[in-house]
Amino acid sequence: MKIINARLRHQEALYTLDLQDGLIKSITAQAAAQAADADDIDAEQKLVIPPFVEPHIHLDATLTAGEPEWNMSGTLFEGIARWSQRKASVTVEDTCQRALKTIGMLRDNGVQHVRTHIDVTDLP
């Protein structure tokens, strides 16, 4: 598989990225824009960059802002208090739905790597 007609940072030319087993095998300059074959991805002369990374997210708490109340002070201490209130209504199904929705949002915006952790303080 190849990514063709790609721009690289600080480069004027268009490039072809040859992919093999999910890795970049080679990067070669193109003389001009090329027509894509069936297996090619045409970057359409857009910038190709590494994926974004989310280094710190709580997938168990995602999409809960304002439930049951907003953290009006914006402090960690009030955030912990609001989360303690919210935990009373947490279910596995609700957590999974919110986490999957958030992962989809991250993916759709170019995030490929996510570091997450969850609150297990109330587990037996």
PDB file of N, CA and C in Angstrom:
ATOM      1  N   MET A   1       0.847  -1.169   0.000  1.00  0.00           N
ATOM      2  CA  MET A   1       0.000   0.000   0.000  1.00  0.00           C
ATOM      3  C   MET A   1       0.894   1.234   0.000  1.00  0.00           C
ATOM      4  N   LYS A   2       0.409   2.282  -0.631  1.00  0.00           N
ATOM      5  CA  LYS A   2       1.160   3.532  -0.689  1.00  0.00           C
ATOM      6  C   LYS A   2       0.255   4.707  -0.348  1.00  0.00           C
ATOM      7  N   ILE A   3       0.868   5.713   0.238  1.00  0.00           N
ATOM      8  CA  ILE A   3       0.233   7.024   0.370  1.00  0.00           C
ATOM      9  C   ILE A   3       0.949   7.901  -0.644  1.00  0.00           C
ATOM     10  N   ILE A   4       0.203   8.418  -1.598  1.00  0.00           N
ATOM     11  CA  ILE A   4       0.817   9.227  -2.652  1.00  0.00           C
ATOM     12  C   ILE A   4       0.380  10.679  -2.526  1.00  0.00           C
ATOM     13  N   ASN A   5       1.125  11.548  -3.213  1.00  0.00           N
ATOM     14  CA  ASN A   5       0.817  12.983  -3.260  1.00  0.00           C
ATOM     15  C   ASN A   5       0.767  13.607  -1.870  1.00  0.00           C
ATOM     16  N   ALA A   6       1.704  13.184  -1.032  1.00  0.00           N
ATOM     17  CA  ALA A   6       1.753  13.654   0.355  1.00  0.00           C
ATOM     18  C   ALA A   6       2.750  14.795   0.510  1.00  0.00           C
ATOM     19  N   ARG A   7       2.408  15.730   1.345  1.00  0.00           N
ATOM     20  CA  ARG A   7       3.353  16.783   1.720  1.00  0.00           C
ATOM     21  C   ARG A   7       3.964  16.399   3.060  1.00  0.00           C
ATOM     22  N   LEU A   8       5.244  16.715   3.217  1.00  0.00           N
ATOM     23  CA  LEU A   8       5.947  16.487   4.467  1.00  0.00           C
ATOM     24  C   LEU A   8       6.364  17.830   5.046  1.00  0.00           C
ATOM     25  N   ARG A   9       6.482  17.893   6.333  1.00  0.00           N
ATOM     26  CA  ARG A   9       6.835  19.132   7.031  1.00  0.00           C
ATOM     27  C   ARG A   9       8.158  19.682   6.508  1.00  0.00           C
ATOM     28  N   HIS A  10       8.185  20.961   6.221  1.00  0.00           N
ATOM     29  CA  HIS A  10       9.367  21.699   5.764  1.00  0.00           C
ATOM     30  C   HIS A  10       9.891  21.218   4.411  1.00  0.00           C
ATOM     31  N   GLN A  11       9.050  20.571   3.618  1.00  0.00           N
ATOM     32  CA  GLN A  11       9.454  20.090   2.291  1.00  0.00           C
ATOM     33  C   GLN A  11       8.503  20.666   1.248  1.00  0.00           C
ATOM     34  N   GLU A  12       9.046  20.994   0.083  1.00  0.00           N
ATOM     35  CA  GLU A  12       8.231  21.550  -0.995  1.00  0.00           C
ATOM     36  C   GLU A  12       7.649  20.473  -1.905  1.00  0.00           C
ATOM     37  N   ALA A  13       8.376  19.387  -2.113  1.00  0.00           N
ATOM     38  CA  ALA A  13       7.963  18.346  -3.058  1.00  0.00           C
ATOM     39  C   ALA A  13       6.791  17.534  -2.516  1.00  0.00           C
ATOM     40  N   LEU A  14       6.183  16.766  -3.413  1.00  0.00           N
ATOM     41  CA  LEU A  14       5.216  15.748  -3.015  1.00  0.00           C
ATOM     42  C   LEU A  14       5.970  14.443  -2.818  1.00  0.00           C
ATOM     43  N   TYR A  15       5.440  13.589  -1.955  1.00  0.00           N
ATOM     44  CA  TYR A  15       6.135  12.345  -1.621  1.00  0.00           C
ATOM     45  C   TYR A  15       5.191  11.152  -1.681  1.00  0.00           C
ATOM     46  N   THR A  16       5.809   9.989  -1.892  1.00  0.00           N
ATOM     47  CA  THR A  16       5.130   8.703  -1.788  1.00  0.00           C
ATOM     48  C   THR A  16       5.668   7.987  -0.563  1.00  0.00           C
ATOM     49  N   LEU A  17       4.763   7.538   0.292  1.00  0.00           N
ATOM     50  CA  LEU A  17       5.137   6.738   1.456  1.00  0.00           C
ATOM     51  C   LEU A  17       4.721   5.303   1.160  1.00  0.00           C
ATOM     52  N   ASP A  18       5.696   4.427   1.066  1.00  0.00           N
ATOM     53  CA  ASP A  18       5.441   3.015   0.797  1.00  0.00           C
ATOM     54  C   ASP A  18       5.267   2.305   2.137  1.00  0.00           C
ATOM     55  N   LEU A  19       4.113   1.680   2.341  1.00  0.00           N
ATOM     56  CA  LEU A  19       3.787   1.038   3.615  1.00  0.00           C
ATOM     57  C   LEU A  19       3.865  -0.481   3.486  1.00  0.00           C
ATOM     58  N   GLN A  20       4.415  -1.107   4.521  1.00  0.00           N
ATOM     59  CA  GLN A  20       4.490  -2.565   4.552  1.00  0.00           C
ATOM     60  C   GLN A  20       4.295  -3.029   5.992  1.00  0.00           C
ATOM     61  N   ASP A  21       3.354  -3.921   6.199  1.00  0.00           N
ATOM     62  CA  ASP A  21       3.052  -4.456   7.532  1.00  0.00           C
ATOM     63  C   ASP A  21       2.758  -3.346   8.544  1.00  0.00           C
ATOM     64  N   GLY A  22       2.073  -2.298   8.099  1.00  0.00           N
ATOM     65  CA  GLY A  22       1.691  -1.216   8.988  1.00  0.00           C
ATOM     66  C   GLY A  22       2.789  -0.221   9.307  1.00  0.00           C
ATOM     67  N   LEU A  23       3.946  -0.368   8.667  1.00  0.00           N
ATOM     68  CA  LEU A  23       5.077   0.539   8.904  1.00  0.00           C
ATOM     69  C   LEU A  23       5.478   1.221   7.608  1.00  0.00           C
ATOM     70  N   ILE A  24       6.123   2.379   7.735  1.00  0.00           N
ATOM     71  CA  ILE A  24       6.631   3.074   6.554  1.00  0.00           C
ATOM     72  C   ILE A  24       7.923   2.391   6.120  1.00  0.00           C
ATOM     73  N   LYS A  25       7.907   1.822   4.923  1.00  0.00           N
ATOM     74  CA  LYS A  25       9.077   1.124   4.371  1.00  0.00           C
ATOM     75  C   LYS A  25      10.032   2.113   3.713  1.00  0.00           C
ATOM     76  N   SER A  26       9.460   3.078   2.967  1.00  0.00           N
ATOM     77  CA  SER A  26      10.300   4.077   2.306  1.00  0.00           C
ATOM     78  C   SER A  26       9.497   5.333   2.036  1.00  0.00           C
ATOM     79  N   ILE A  27      10.227   6.434   1.869  1.00  0.00           N
ATOM     80  CA  ILE A  27       9.641   7.723   1.499  1.00  0.00           C
ATOM     81  C   ILE A  27      10.439   8.231   0.313  1.00  0.00           C
ATOM     82  N   THR A  28       9.745   8.481  -0.796  1.00  0.00           N
ATOM     83  CA  THR A  28      10.434   8.946  -2.004  1.00  0.00           C
ATOM     84  C   THR A  28       9.743  10.182  -2.554  1.00  0.00           C
ATOM     85  N   ALA A  29      10.551  11.092  -3.077  1.00  0.00           N
ATOM     86  CA  ALA A  29      10.022  12.310  -3.686  1.00  0.00           C
ATOM     87  C   ALA A  29       9.382  11.976  -5.027  1.00  0.00           C
ATOM     88  N   GLN A  30       8.321  12.677  -5.352  1.00  0.00           N
ATOM     89  CA  GLN A  30       7.640  12.534  -6.636  1.00  0.00           C
ATOM     90  C   GLN A  30       8.016  13.715  -7.520  1.00  0.00           C
ATOM     91  N   ALA A  31       8.086  13.488  -8.817  1.00  0.00           N
ATOM     92  CA  ALA A  31       8.352  14.577  -9.761  1.00  0.00           C
ATOM     93  C   ALA A  31       7.119  15.464  -9.923  1.00  0.00           C
ATOM     94  N   ALA A  32       5.936  14.848  -9.810  1.00  0.00           N
ATOM     95  CA  ALA A  32       4.667  15.569  -9.956  1.00  0.00           C
ATOM     96  C   ALA A  32       3.572  14.748  -9.286  1.00  0.00           C
ATOM     97  N   ALA A  33       2.387  15.342  -9.201  1.00  0.00           N
ATOM     98  CA  ALA A  33       1.248  14.611  -8.636  1.00  0.00           C
ATOM     99  C   ALA A  33       0.967  13.374  -9.478  1.00  0.00           C
ATOM    100  N   GLN A  34       0.531  12.307  -8.809  1.00  0.00           N
ATOM    101  CA  GLN A  34       0.275  11.034  -9.482  1.00  0.00           C
ATOM    102  C   GLN A  34      -1.185  10.633  -9.328  1.00  0.00           C
ATOM    103  N   ALA A  35      -1.649   9.817 -10.279  1.00  0.00           N
ATOM    104  CA  ALA A  35      -2.979   9.223 -10.169  1.00  0.00           C
ATOM    105  C   ALA A  35      -2.882   8.018  -9.239  1.00  0.00           C
ATOM    106  N   ALA A  36      -3.885   7.839  -8.426  1.00  0.00           N
ATOM    107  CA  ALA A  36      -3.867   6.756  -7.438  1.00  0.00           C
ATOM    108  C   ALA A  36      -4.298   5.436  -8.057  1.00  0.00           C
ATOM    109  N   ASP A  37      -3.596   4.360  -7.690  1.00  0.00           N
ATOM    110  CA  ASP A  37      -4.036   3.004  -8.013  1.00  0.00           C
ATOM    111  C   ASP A  37      -5.099   2.603  -6.994  1.00  0.00           C
ATOM    112  N   ALA A  38      -5.730   1.460  -7.219  1.00  0.00           N
ATOM    113  CA  ALA A  38      -6.819   1.004  -6.346  1.00  0.00           C
ATOM    114  C   ALA A  38      -6.376   0.838  -4.897  1.00  0.00           C
ATOM    115  N   ASP A  39      -5.132   0.416  -4.671  1.00  0.00           N
ATOM    116  CA  ASP A  39      -4.648   0.177  -3.309  1.00  0.00           C
ATOM    117  C   ASP A  39      -4.002   1.402  -2.668  1.00  0.00           C
ATOM    118  N   ASP A  40      -3.905   2.501  -3.397  1.00  0.00           N
ATOM    119  CA  ASP A  40      -3.237   3.700  -2.890  1.00  0.00           C
ATOM    120  C   ASP A  40      -4.192   4.574  -2.082  1.00  0.00           C
ATOM    121  N   ILE A  41      -3.604   5.340  -1.185  1.00  0.00           N
ATOM    122  CA  ILE A  41      -4.319   6.411  -0.493  1.00  0.00           C
ATOM    123  C   ILE A  41      -3.784   7.715  -1.066  1.00  0.00           C
ATOM    124  N   ASP A  42      -4.653   8.521  -1.638  1.00  0.00           N
ATOM    125  CA  ASP A  42      -4.239   9.800  -2.208  1.00  0.00           C
ATOM    126  C   ASP A  42      -4.348  10.875  -1.127  1.00  0.00           C
ATOM    127  N   ALA A  43      -3.206  11.412  -0.704  1.00  0.00           N
ATOM    128  CA  ALA A  43      -3.193  12.462   0.321  1.00  0.00           C
ATOM    129  C   ALA A  43      -3.645  13.806  -0.232  1.00  0.00           C
ATOM    130  N   GLU A  44      -3.823  13.893  -1.542  1.00  0.00           N
ATOM    131  CA  GLU A  44      -4.335  15.103  -2.194  1.00  0.00           C
ATOM    132  C   GLU A  44      -3.504  16.335  -1.870  1.00  0.00           C
ATOM    133  N   GLN A  45      -2.189  16.144  -1.812  1.00  0.00           N
ATOM    134  CA  GLN A  45      -1.217  17.215  -1.571  1.00  0.00           C
ATOM    135  C   GLN A  45      -1.362  17.840  -0.183  1.00  0.00           C
ATOM    136  N   LYS A  46      -1.912  17.081   0.744  1.00  0.00           N
ATOM    137  CA  LYS A  46      -2.053  17.553   2.124  1.00  0.00           C
ATOM    138  C   LYS A  46      -0.897  17.041   2.975  1.00  0.00           C
ATOM    139  N   LEU A  47      -0.697  17.686   4.106  1.00  0.00           N
ATOM    140  CA  LEU A  47       0.380  17.348   5.025  1.00  0.00           C
ATOM    141  C   LEU A  47       0.113  16.008   5.703  1.00  0.00           C
ATOM    142  N   VAL A  48       1.125  15.150   5.719  1.00  0.00           N
ATOM    143  CA  VAL A  48       1.049  13.869   6.421  1.00  0.00           C
ATOM    144  C   VAL A  48       1.892  14.001   7.682  1.00  0.00           C
ATOM    145  N   ILE A  49       1.280  13.725   8.830  1.00  0.00           N
ATOM    146  CA  ILE A  49       1.966  13.869  10.115  1.00  0.00           C
ATOM    147  C   ILE A  49       1.744  12.616  10.959  1.00  0.00           C
ATOM    148  N   PRO A  50       2.545  12.427  12.001  1.00  0.00           N
ATOM    149  CA  PRO A  50       2.285  11.317  12.917  1.00  0.00           C
ATOM    150  C   PRO A  50       0.935  11.523  13.606  1.00  0.00           C
ATOM    151  N   PRO A  51       0.352  10.459  14.140  1.00  0.00           N
ATOM    152  CA  PRO A  51      -0.939  10.599  14.820  1.00  0.00           C
ATOM    153  C   PRO A  51      -0.795  11.377  16.120  1.00  0.00           C
ATOM    154  N   PHE A  52      -1.909  11.942  16.545  1.00  0.00           N
ATOM    155  CA  PHE A  52      -1.947  12.619  17.833  1.00  0.00           C
ATOM    156  C   PHE A  52      -1.995  11.587  18.958  1.00  0.00           C
ATOM    157  N   VAL A  53      -1.615  12.019  20.157  1.00  0.00           N
ATOM    158  CA  VAL A  53      -1.597  11.166  21.339  1.00  0.00           C
ATOM    159  C   VAL A  53      -2.396  11.852  22.443  1.00  0.00           C
ATOM    160  N   GLU A  54      -3.246  11.096  23.125  1.00  0.00           N
ATOM    161  CA  GLU A  54      -3.941  11.585  24.319  1.00  0.00           C
ATOM    162  C   GLU A  54      -3.220  10.976  25.518  1.00  0.00           C
ATOM    163  N   PRO A  55      -2.406  11.774  26.228  1.00  0.00           N
ATOM    164  CA  PRO A  55      -1.574  11.200  27.284  1.00  0.00           C
ATOM    165  C   PRO A  55      -2.278  10.990  28.626  1.00  0.00           C
ATOM    166  N   HIS A  56      -3.477  11.542  28.795  1.00  0.00           N
ATOM    167  CA  HIS A  56      -4.124  11.457  30.119  1.00  0.00           C
ATOM    168  C   HIS A  56      -5.624  11.674  29.959  1.00  0.00           C
ATOM    169  N   ILE A  57      -6.375  10.608  30.074  1.00  0.00           N
ATOM    170  CA  ILE A  57      -7.835  10.732  29.991  1.00  0.00           C
ATOM    171  C   ILE A  57      -8.466   9.702  30.926  1.00  0.00           C
ATOM    172  N   HIS A  58      -9.579  10.074  31.511  1.00  0.00           N
ATOM    173  CA  HIS A  58     -10.334   9.175  32.385  1.00  0.00           C
ATOM    174  C   HIS A  58     -11.560   8.710  31.597  1.00  0.00           C
ATOM    175  N   LEU A  59     -11.448   7.589  30.892  1.00  0.00           N
ATOM    176  CA  LEU A  59     -12.553   7.137  30.053  1.00  0.00           C
ATOM    177  C   LEU A  59     -13.795   6.767  30.859  1.00  0.00           C
ATOM    178  N   ASP A  60     -13.630   6.441  32.127  1.00  0.00           N
ATOM    179  CA  ASP A  60     -14.803   6.131  32.950  1.00  0.00           C
ATOM    180  C   ASP A  60     -15.596   7.387  33.306  1.00  0.00           C
ATOM    181  N   ALA A  61     -14.958   8.541  33.259  1.00  0.00           N
ATOM    182  CA  ALA A  61     -15.618   9.791  33.647  1.00  0.00           C
ATOM    183  C   ALA A  61     -15.926  10.693  32.452  1.00  0.00           C
ATOM    184  N   THR A  62     -15.552  10.262  31.275  1.00  0.00           N
ATOM    185  CA  THR A  62     -15.728  11.108  30.105  1.00  0.00           C
ATOM    186  C   THR A  62     -17.210  11.393  29.822  1.00  0.00           C
ATOM    187  N   LEU A  63     -17.465  12.576  29.297  1.00  0.00           N
ATOM    188  CA  LEU A  63     -18.815  13.020  28.922  1.00  0.00           C
ATOM    189  C   LEU A  63     -19.771  13.076  30.111  1.00  0.00           C
ATOM    190  N   THR A  64     -19.247  13.389  31.279  1.00  0.00           N
ATOM    191  CA  THR A  64     -20.099  13.516  32.474  1.00  0.00           C
ATOM    192  C   THR A  64     -20.117  14.940  33.021  1.00  0.00           C
ATOM    193  N   ALA A  65     -19.509  15.881  32.340  1.00  0.00           N
ATOM    194  CA  ALA A  65     -19.466  17.259  32.842  1.00  0.00           C
ATOM    195  C   ALA A  65     -20.883  17.768  33.094  1.00  0.00           C
ATOM    196  N   GLY A  66     -21.087  18.336  34.256  1.00  0.00           N
ATOM    197  CA  GLY A  66     -22.394  18.876  34.614  1.00  0.00           C
ATOM    198  C   GLY A  66     -23.341  17.858  35.223  1.00  0.00           C
ATOM    199  N   GLU A  67     -22.911  16.616  35.335  1.00  0.00           N
ATOM    200  CA  GLU A  67     -23.756  15.570  35.930  1.00  0.00           C
ATOM    201  C   GLU A  67     -23.156  15.129  37.253  1.00  0.00           C
ATOM    202  N   PRO A  68     -23.747  15.302  38.363  1.00  0.00           N
ATOM    203  CA  PRO A  68     -25.046  15.929  38.578  1.00  0.00           C
ATOM    204  C   PRO A  68     -24.966  17.452  38.665  1.00  0.00           C
ATOM    205  N   GLU A  69     -23.752  17.989  38.894  1.00  0.00           N
ATOM    206  CA  GLU A  69     -23.583  19.443  38.991  1.00  0.00           C
ATOM    207  C   GLU A  69     -22.281  19.829  38.309  1.00  0.00           C
ATOM    208  N   TRP A  70     -22.187  21.083  37.904  1.00  0.00           N
ATOM    209  CA  TRP A  70     -20.951  21.593  37.320  1.00  0.00           C
ATOM    210  C   TRP A  70     -19.918  21.868  38.410  1.00  0.00           C
ATOM    211  N   ASN A  71     -18.665  21.692  38.061  1.00  0.00           N
ATOM    212  CA  ASN A  71     -17.546  22.060  38.932  1.00  0.00           C
ATOM    213  C   ASN A  71     -17.351  23.564  38.757  1.00  0.00           C
ATOM    214  N   MET A  72     -18.044  24.341  39.549  1.00  0.00           N
ATOM    215  CA  MET A  72     -18.068  25.792  39.365  1.00  0.00           C
ATOM    216  C   MET A  72     -16.738  26.456  39.692  1.00  0.00           C
ATOM    217  N   SER A  73     -15.974  25.903  40.620  1.00  0.00           N
ATOM    218  CA  SER A  73     -14.695  26.522  40.982  1.00  0.00           C
ATOM    219  C   SER A  73     -13.578  26.102  40.027  1.00  0.00           C
ATOM    220  N   GLY A  74     -13.781  24.975  39.340  1.00  0.00           N
ATOM    221  CA  GLY A  74     -12.744  24.470  38.445  1.00  0.00           C
ATOM    222  C   GLY A  74     -11.579  23.823  39.170  1.00  0.00           C
ATOM    223  N   THR A  75     -11.720  23.605  40.454  1.00  0.00           N
ATOM    224  CA  THR A  75     -10.616  23.039  41.232  1.00  0.00           C
ATOM    225  C   THR A  75     -10.674  21.517  41.234  1.00  0.00           C
ATOM    226  N   LEU A  76      -9.533  20.918  41.494  1.00  0.00           N
ATOM    227  CA  LEU A  76      -9.455  19.467  41.622  1.00  0.00           C
ATOM    228  C   LEU A  76     -10.355  18.977  42.754  1.00  0.00           C
ATOM    229  N   PHE A  77     -10.345  19.690  43.871  1.00  0.00           N
ATOM    230  CA  PHE A  77     -11.127  19.258  45.030  1.00  0.00           C
ATOM    231  C   PHE A  77     -12.624  19.232  44.729  1.00  0.00           C
ATOM    232  N   GLU A  78     -13.123  20.264  44.061  1.00  0.00           N
ATOM    233  CA  GLU A  78     -14.543  20.248  43.706  1.00  0.00           C
ATOM    234  C   GLU A  78     -14.806  19.195  42.637  1.00  0.00           C
ATOM    235  N   GLY A  79     -13.874  19.005  41.720  1.00  0.00           N
ATOM    236  CA  GLY A  79     -14.018  17.961  40.710  1.00  0.00           C
ATOM    237  C   GLY A  79     -14.154  16.583  41.338  1.00  0.00           C
ATOM    238  N   ILE A  80     -13.350  16.312  42.346  1.00  0.00           N
ATOM    239  CA  ILE A  80     -13.434  15.034  43.067  1.00  0.00           C
ATOM    240  C   ILE A  80     -14.790  14.911  43.767  1.00  0.00           C
ATOM    241  N   ALA A  81     -15.266  16.002  44.345  1.00  0.00           N
ATOM    242  CA  ALA A  81     -16.575  15.984  45.013  1.00  0.00           C
ATOM    243  C   ALA A  81     -17.696  15.719  44.005  1.00  0.00           C
ATOM    244  N   ARG A  82     -17.641  16.378  42.829  1.00  0.00           N
ATOM    245  CA  ARG A  82     -18.665  16.155  41.805  1.00  0.00           C
ATOM    246  C   ARG A  82     -18.615  14.712  41.311  1.00  0.00           C
ATOM    247  N   TRP A  83     -17.407  14.154  41.123  1.00  0.00           N
ATOM    248  CA  TRP A  83     -17.276  12.771  40.663  1.00  0.00           C
ATOM    249  C   TRP A  83     -17.829  11.809  41.721  1.00  0.00           C
ATOM    250  N   SER A  84     -17.605  12.108  42.987  1.00  0.00           N
ATOM    251  CA  SER A  84     -18.156  11.265  44.051  1.00  0.00           C
ATOM    252  C   SER A  84     -19.677  11.231  43.978  1.00  0.00           C
ATOM    253  N   GLN A  85     -20.291  12.367  43.656  1.00  0.00           N
ATOM    254  CA  GLN A  85     -21.746  12.411  43.482  1.00  0.00           C
ATOM    255  C   GLN A  85     -22.164  11.591  42.255  1.00  0.00           C
ATOM    256  N   ARG A  86     -21.435  11.741  41.174  1.00  0.00           N
ATOM    257  CA  ARG A  86     -21.777  11.079  39.907  1.00  0.00           C
ATOM    258  C   ARG A  86     -21.640   9.566  40.007  1.00  0.00           C
ATOM    259  N   LYS A  87     -20.674   9.090  40.788  1.00  0.00           N
ATOM    260  CA  LYS A  87     -20.419   7.648  40.880  1.00  0.00           C
ATOM    261  C   LYS A  87     -21.630   6.866  41.361  1.00  0.00           C
ATOM    262  N   ALA A  88     -22.509   7.516  42.099  1.00  0.00           N
ATOM    263  CA  ALA A  88     -23.695   6.825  42.615  1.00  0.00           C
ATOM    264  C   ALA A  88     -24.591   6.316  41.491  1.00  0.00           C
ATOM    265  N   SER A  89     -24.540   6.952  40.319  1.00  0.00           N
ATOM    266  CA  SER A  89     -25.412   6.548  39.208  1.00  0.00           C
ATOM    267  C   SER A  89     -24.656   5.848  38.076  1.00  0.00           C
ATOM    268  N   VAL A  90     -23.393   5.546  38.276  1.00  0.00           N
ATOM    269  CA  VAL A  90     -22.587   4.910  37.229  1.00  0.00           C
ATOM    270  C   VAL A  90     -22.996   3.450  37.060  1.00  0.00           C
ATOM    271  N   THR A  91     -23.148   3.048  35.788  1.00  0.00           N
ATOM    272  CA  THR A  91     -23.382   1.637  35.471  1.00  0.00           C
ATOM    273  C   THR A  91     -22.333   1.195  34.457  1.00  0.00           C
ATOM    274  N   VAL A  92     -22.142  -0.099  34.344  1.00  0.00           N
ATOM    275  CA  VAL A  92     -21.186  -0.627  33.365  1.00  0.00           C
ATOM    276  C   VAL A  92     -21.608  -0.220  31.955  1.00  0.00           C
ATOM    277  N   GLU A  93     -22.894  -0.351  31.644  1.00  0.00           N
ATOM    278  CA  GLU A  93     -23.393  -0.015  30.305  1.00  0.00           C
ATOM    279  C   GLU A  93     -23.167   1.458  29.983  1.00  0.00           C
ATOM    280  N   ASP A  94     -23.497   2.328  30.923  1.00  0.00           N
ATOM    281  CA  ASP A  94     -23.314   3.768  30.732  1.00  0.00           C
ATOM    282  C   ASP A  94     -21.840   4.099  30.521  1.00  0.00           C
ATOM    283  N   THR A  95     -20.985   3.511  31.332  1.00  0.00           N
ATOM    284  CA  THR A  95     -19.547   3.763  31.223  1.00  0.00           C
ATOM    285  C   THR A  95     -19.026   3.303  29.871  1.00  0.00           C
ATOM    286  N   CYS A  96     -19.426   2.114  29.439  1.00  0.00           N
ATOM    287  CA  CYS A  96     -18.970   1.590  28.144  1.00  0.00           C
ATOM    288  C   CYS A  96     -19.450   2.468  26.994  1.00  0.00           C
ATOM    289  N   GLN A  97     -20.703   2.896  27.022  1.00  0.00           N
ATOM    290  CA  GLN A  97     -21.237   3.745  25.953  1.00  0.00           C
ATOM    291  C   GLN A  97     -20.474   5.067  25.862  1.00  0.00           C
ATOM    292  N   ARG A  98     -20.239   5.698  27.004  1.00  0.00           N
ATOM    293  CA  ARG A  98     -19.522   6.979  27.003  1.00  0.00           C
ATOM    294  C   ARG A  98     -18.078   6.797  26.564  1.00  0.00           C
ATOM    295  N   ALA A  99     -17.429   5.736  27.040  1.00  0.00           N
ATOM    296  CA  ALA A  99     -16.032   5.481  26.667  1.00  0.00           C
ATOM    297  C   ALA A  99     -15.918   5.219  25.173  1.00  0.00           C
ATOM    298  N   LEU A 100     -16.802   4.390  24.624  1.00  0.00           N
ATOM    299  CA  LEU A 100     -16.755   4.094  23.190  1.00  0.00           C
ATOM    300  C   LEU A 100     -17.030   5.338  22.352  1.00  0.00           C
ATOM    301  N   LYS A 101     -17.971   6.167  22.785  1.00  0.00           N
ATOM    302  CA  LYS A 101     -18.251   7.413  22.062  1.00  0.00           C
ATOM    303  C   LYS A 101     -17.017   8.315  22.074  1.00  0.00           C
ATOM    304  N   THR A 102     -16.369   8.414  23.222  1.00  0.00           N
ATOM    305  CA  THR A 102     -15.173   9.253  23.339  1.00  0.00           C
ATOM    306  C   THR A 102     -14.032   8.707  22.495  1.00  0.00           C
ATOM    307  N   ILE A 103     -13.829   7.396  22.513  1.00  0.00           N
ATOM    308  CA  ILE A 103     -12.777   6.795  21.686  1.00  0.00           C
ATOM    309  C   ILE A 103     -13.045   7.081  20.214  1.00  0.00           C
ATOM    310  N   GLY A 104     -14.304   7.010  19.801  1.00  0.00           N
ATOM    311  CA  GLY A 104     -14.652   7.352  18.422  1.00  0.00           C
ATOM    312  C   GLY A 104     -14.344   8.803  18.098  1.00  0.00           C
ATOM    313  N   MET A 105     -14.637   9.700  19.024  1.00  0.00           N
ATOM    314  CA  MET A 105     -14.336  11.121  18.818  1.00  0.00           C
ATOM    315  C   MET A 105     -12.831  11.344  18.715  1.00  0.00           C
ATOM    316  N   LEU A 106     -12.077  10.682  19.578  1.00  0.00           N
ATOM    317  CA  LEU A 106     -10.618  10.798  19.535  1.00  0.00           C
ATOM    318  C   LEU A 106     -10.096  10.299  18.194  1.00  0.00           C
ATOM    319  N   ARG A 107     -10.534   9.104  17.795  1.00  0.00           N
ATOM    320  CA  ARG A 107     -10.107   8.519  16.519  1.00  0.00           C
ATOM    321  C   ARG A 107     -10.445   9.441  15.351  1.00  0.00           C
ATOM    322  N   ASP A 108     -11.661   9.963  15.330  1.00  0.00           N
ATOM    323  CA  ASP A 108     -12.103  10.818  14.230  1.00  0.00           C
ATOM    324  C   ASP A 108     -11.310  12.111  14.140  1.00  0.00           C
ATOM    325  N   ASN A 109     -10.631  12.478  15.214  1.00  0.00           N
ATOM    326  CA  ASN A 109      -9.825  13.695  15.230  1.00  0.00           C
ATOM    327  C   ASN A 109      -8.326  13.410  15.207  1.00  0.00           C
ATOM    328  N   GLY A 110      -7.951  12.203  14.783  1.00  0.00           N
ATOM    329  CA  GLY A 110      -6.545  11.895  14.547  1.00  0.00           C
ATOM    330  C   GLY A 110      -5.769  11.341  15.718  1.00  0.00           C
ATOM    331  N   VAL A 111      -6.443  11.045  16.818  1.00  0.00           N
ATOM    332  CA  VAL A 111      -5.745  10.478  17.978  1.00  0.00           C
ATOM    333  C   VAL A 111      -5.658   8.966  17.787  1.00  0.00           C
ATOM    334  N   GLN A 112      -4.434   8.451  17.826  1.00  0.00           N
ATOM    335  CA  GLN A 112      -4.239   7.019  17.620  1.00  0.00           C
ATOM    336  C   GLN A 112      -3.784   6.300  18.884  1.00  0.00           C
ATOM    337  N   HIS A 113      -3.176   7.014  19.802  1.00  0.00           N
ATOM    338  CA  HIS A 113      -2.687   6.409  21.038  1.00  0.00           C
ATOM    339  C   HIS A 113      -3.342   7.106  22.230  1.00  0.00           C
ATOM    340  N   VAL A 114      -3.864   6.306  23.162  1.00  0.00           N
ATOM    341  CA  VAL A 114      -4.567   6.840  24.327  1.00  0.00           C
ATOM    342  C   VAL A 114      -4.012   6.183  25.585  1.00  0.00           C
ATOM    343  N   ARG A 115      -3.666   7.005  26.562  1.00  0.00           N
ATOM    344  CA  ARG A 115      -3.288   6.503  27.886  1.00  0.00           C
ATOM    345  C   ARG A 115      -4.443   6.842  28.818  1.00  0.00           C
ATOM    346  N   THR A 116      -5.011   5.833  29.428  1.00  0.00           N
ATOM    347  CA  THR A 116      -6.180   6.049  30.273  1.00  0.00           C
ATOM    348  C   THR A 116      -6.046   5.281  31.581  1.00  0.00           C
ATOM    349  N   HIS A 117      -6.881   5.618  32.499  1.00  0.00           N
ATOM    350  CA  HIS A 117      -6.949   4.937  33.786  1.00  0.00           C
ATOM    351  C   HIS A 117      -8.365   5.144  34.316  1.00  0.00           C
ATOM    352  N   ILE A 118      -8.777   4.283  35.229  1.00  0.00           N
ATOM    353  CA  ILE A 118     -10.145   4.369  35.741  1.00  0.00           C
ATOM    354  C   ILE A 118     -10.151   4.364  37.261  1.00  0.00           C
ATOM    355  N   ASP A 119     -11.240   4.829  37.815  1.00  0.00           N
ATOM    356  CA  ASP A 119     -11.442   4.879  39.266  1.00  0.00           C
ATOM    357  C   ASP A 119     -11.954   3.517  39.731  1.00  0.00           C
ATOM    358  N   VAL A 120     -11.169   2.844  40.543  1.00  0.00           N
ATOM    359  CA  VAL A 120     -11.571   1.539  41.088  1.00  0.00           C
ATOM    360  C   VAL A 120     -11.695   1.600  42.611  1.00  0.00           C
ATOM    361  N   THR A 121     -11.834   2.801  43.156  1.00  0.00           N
ATOM    362  CA  THR A 121     -11.816   2.960  44.614  1.00  0.00           C
ATOM    363  C   THR A 121     -13.002   2.314  45.315  1.00  0.00           C
ATOM    364  N   ASP A 122     -14.119   2.119  44.618  1.00  0.00           N
ATOM    365  CA  ASP A 122     -15.294   1.538  45.269  1.00  0.00           C
ATOM    366  C   ASP A 122     -15.496   0.066  44.939  1.00  0.00           C
ATOM    367  N   LEU A 123     -14.522  -0.557  44.292  1.00  0.00           N
ATOM    368  CA  LEU A 123     -14.645  -1.984  43.990  1.00  0.00           C
ATOM    369  C   LEU A 123     -14.372  -2.809  45.235  1.00  0.00           C
ATOM    370  N   PRO A 124     -15.079  -3.947  45.375  1.00  0.00           N
ATOM    371  CA  PRO A 124     -14.855  -4.785  46.570  1.00  0.00           C
ATOM    372  C   PRO A 124     -13.475  -5.419  46.562  1.00  0.00           C
TER     373      PRO A 124
END
